[in-house]
Amino acid sequence: MGYYKTIDGNKYDGEIIELAEKLTDGQGDGRLSVDDAGQLLEAVKDGGSYTDIEKDTMAYVRDNFKWTDAADEWFRTEIRKWASSK
């Protein structure tokens, strides 16, 4: 897969989308867990900044993948803390 993935005319981070698909495909109840959210956070942090494409990608992942309540809350808290330090 290329670095970017276009969905409905919007450009997203292909690696993050692919990771979210992998984490939910045939795994447990199909929801992203806190552990999964940690992997997604690491994927976002890999470039050292929270780019607009990564922000759009995570908005897409939040809207199109099922999350446990704990995972959603944890991810939102951690990404805010990390992004505010950049």
C-alpha atoms as a PDB file:
ATOM      1  CA  MET A   1       0.000   0.000   0.000  1.00  0.00           C
ATOM      2  CA  GLY A   2       1.170   3.533  -0.709  1.00  0.00           C
ATOM      3  CA  TYR A   3       1.775   5.951   2.099  1.00  0.00           C
ATOM      4  CA  TYR A   4      -1.536   7.717   1.423  1.00  0.00           C
ATOM      5  CA  LYS A   5      -4.945   6.195   0.852  1.00  0.00           C
ATOM      6  CA  THR A   6      -7.741   8.148  -0.824  1.00  0.00           C
ATOM      7  CA  ILE A   7     -11.276   7.407   0.376  1.00  0.00           C
ATOM      8  CA  ASP A   8     -14.243   9.352  -1.001  1.00  0.00           C
ATOM      9  CA  GLY A   9     -11.852  11.977  -2.362  1.00  0.00           C
ATOM     10  CA  ASN A  10     -10.098  12.539   0.977  1.00  0.00           C
ATOM     11  CA  LYS A  11      -6.420  11.727   1.553  1.00  0.00           C
ATOM     12  CA  TYR A  12      -5.564   9.662   4.637  1.00  0.00           C
ATOM     13  CA  ASP A  13      -2.483   8.038   6.148  1.00  0.00           C
ATOM     14  CA  GLY A  14      -2.560   4.590   4.565  1.00  0.00           C
ATOM     15  CA  GLU A  15      -0.452   2.957   7.259  1.00  0.00           C
ATOM     16  CA  ILE A  16      -2.825   4.026  10.047  1.00  0.00           C
ATOM     17  CA  ILE A  17      -5.909   2.868   8.100  1.00  0.00           C
ATOM     18  CA  GLU A  18      -4.210  -0.451   7.375  1.00  0.00           C
ATOM     19  CA  LEU A  19      -3.296  -0.868  11.057  1.00  0.00           C
ATOM     20  CA  ALA A  20      -6.874  -0.161  12.191  1.00  0.00           C
ATOM     21  CA  GLU A  21      -8.158  -2.730   9.678  1.00  0.00           C
ATOM     22  CA  LYS A  22      -5.616  -5.300  10.865  1.00  0.00           C
ATOM     23  CA  LEU A  23      -6.451  -4.688  14.532  1.00  0.00           C
ATOM     24  CA  THR A  24     -10.181  -5.236  13.988  1.00  0.00           C
ATOM     25  CA  ASP A  25     -10.211  -7.914  11.278  1.00  0.00           C
ATOM     26  CA  GLY A  26     -11.240 -11.204  12.857  1.00  0.00           C
ATOM     27  CA  GLN A  27     -10.067 -10.078  16.292  1.00  0.00           C
ATOM     28  CA  GLY A  28     -12.274 -10.423  19.378  1.00  0.00           C
ATOM     29  CA  ASP A  29     -15.492  -8.460  19.055  1.00  0.00           C
ATOM     30  CA  GLY A  30     -14.195  -6.202  16.263  1.00  0.00           C
ATOM     31  CA  ARG A  31     -13.729  -3.160  18.490  1.00  0.00           C
ATOM     32  CA  LEU A  32     -10.503  -1.295  19.055  1.00  0.00           C
ATOM     33  CA  SER A  33      -9.250  -1.904  22.597  1.00  0.00           C
ATOM     34  CA  VAL A  34      -6.963   0.237  24.757  1.00  0.00           C
ATOM     35  CA  ASP A  35      -4.024  -1.893  23.569  1.00  0.00           C
ATOM     36  CA  ASP A  36      -5.083  -1.286  19.958  1.00  0.00           C
ATOM     37  CA  ALA A  37      -5.392   2.443  20.671  1.00  0.00           C
ATOM     38  CA  GLY A  38      -1.819   2.363  21.963  1.00  0.00           C
ATOM     39  CA  GLN A  39      -0.632   0.891  18.676  1.00  0.00           C
ATOM     40  CA  LEU A  40      -2.533   3.541  16.738  1.00  0.00           C
ATOM     41  CA  LEU A  41      -1.036   6.275  18.911  1.00  0.00           C
ATOM     42  CA  GLU A  42       2.465   4.953  18.217  1.00  0.00           C
ATOM     43  CA  ALA A  43       1.697   4.975  14.478  1.00  0.00           C
ATOM     44  CA  VAL A  44       0.621   8.621  14.714  1.00  0.00           C
ATOM     45  CA  LYS A  45       3.693   9.557  16.750  1.00  0.00           C
ATOM     46  CA  ASP A  46       6.153   7.894  14.359  1.00  0.00           C
ATOM     47  CA  GLY A  47       6.766  11.106  12.428  1.00  0.00           C
ATOM     48  CA  GLY A  48       7.234  13.293  15.496  1.00  0.00           C
ATOM     49  CA  SER A  49       4.304  15.619  14.778  1.00  0.00           C
ATOM     50  CA  TYR A  50       0.523  15.360  14.468  1.00  0.00           C
ATOM     51  CA  THR A  51      -0.046  16.344  10.850  1.00  0.00           C
ATOM     52  CA  ASP A  52      -3.350  17.445   9.343  1.00  0.00           C
ATOM     53  CA  ILE A  53      -3.480  14.178   7.364  1.00  0.00           C
ATOM     54  CA  GLU A  54      -3.004  12.181  10.578  1.00  0.00           C
ATOM     55  CA  LYS A  55      -5.721  14.244  12.292  1.00  0.00           C
ATOM     56  CA  ASP A  56      -8.095  13.586   9.385  1.00  0.00           C
ATOM     57  CA  THR A  57      -7.108   9.912   9.397  1.00  0.00           C
ATOM     58  CA  MET A  58      -7.808   9.513  13.110  1.00  0.00           C
ATOM     59  CA  ALA A  59     -11.162  11.297  12.691  1.00  0.00           C
ATOM     60  CA  TYR A  60     -11.946   8.761   9.960  1.00  0.00           C
ATOM     61  CA  VAL A  61     -10.853   5.845  12.171  1.00  0.00           C
ATOM     62  CA  ARG A  62     -12.937   7.150  15.093  1.00  0.00           C
ATOM     63  CA  ASP A  63     -15.998   7.492  12.832  1.00  0.00           C
ATOM     64  CA  ASN A  64     -15.639   4.250  10.868  1.00  0.00           C
ATOM     65  CA  PHE A  65     -14.284   1.724  13.353  1.00  0.00           C
ATOM     66  CA  LYS A  66     -15.837   0.552  16.597  1.00  0.00           C
ATOM     67  CA  TRP A  67     -13.946   1.465  19.777  1.00  0.00           C
ATOM     68  CA  THR A  68     -14.443   0.381  23.340  1.00  0.00           C
ATOM     69  CA  ASP A  69     -15.402   3.385  25.457  1.00  0.00           C
ATOM     70  CA  ALA A  70     -12.170   3.016  27.439  1.00  0.00           C
ATOM     71  CA  ALA A  71     -10.051   2.943  24.254  1.00  0.00           C
ATOM     72  CA  ASP A  72     -11.736   6.014  22.802  1.00  0.00           C
ATOM     73  CA  GLU A  73     -11.318   7.985  26.014  1.00  0.00           C
ATOM     74  CA  TRP A  74      -7.712   6.844  26.462  1.00  0.00           C
ATOM     75  CA  PHE A  75      -6.740   7.703  22.881  1.00  0.00           C
ATOM     76  CA  ARG A  76      -8.327  11.150  22.954  1.00  0.00           C
ATOM     77  CA  THR A  77      -6.602  11.985  26.248  1.00  0.00           C
ATOM     78  CA  GLU A  78      -3.180  10.707  25.155  1.00  0.00           C
ATOM     79  CA  ILE A  79      -3.211  12.311  21.709  1.00  0.00           C
ATOM     80  CA  ARG A  80      -4.163  15.685  23.245  1.00  0.00           C
ATOM     81  CA  LYS A  81      -1.341  15.433  25.777  1.00  0.00           C
ATOM     82  CA  TRP A  82       1.189  14.438  23.133  1.00  0.00           C
ATOM     83  CA  ALA A  83       0.047  16.978  20.513  1.00  0.00           C
ATOM     84  CA  SER A  84       0.125  19.831  23.035  1.00  0.00           C
ATOM     85  CA  SER A  85       3.775  19.075  23.759  1.00  0.00           C
ATOM     86  CA  LYS A  86       4.710  19.537  20.091  1.00  0.00           C
END
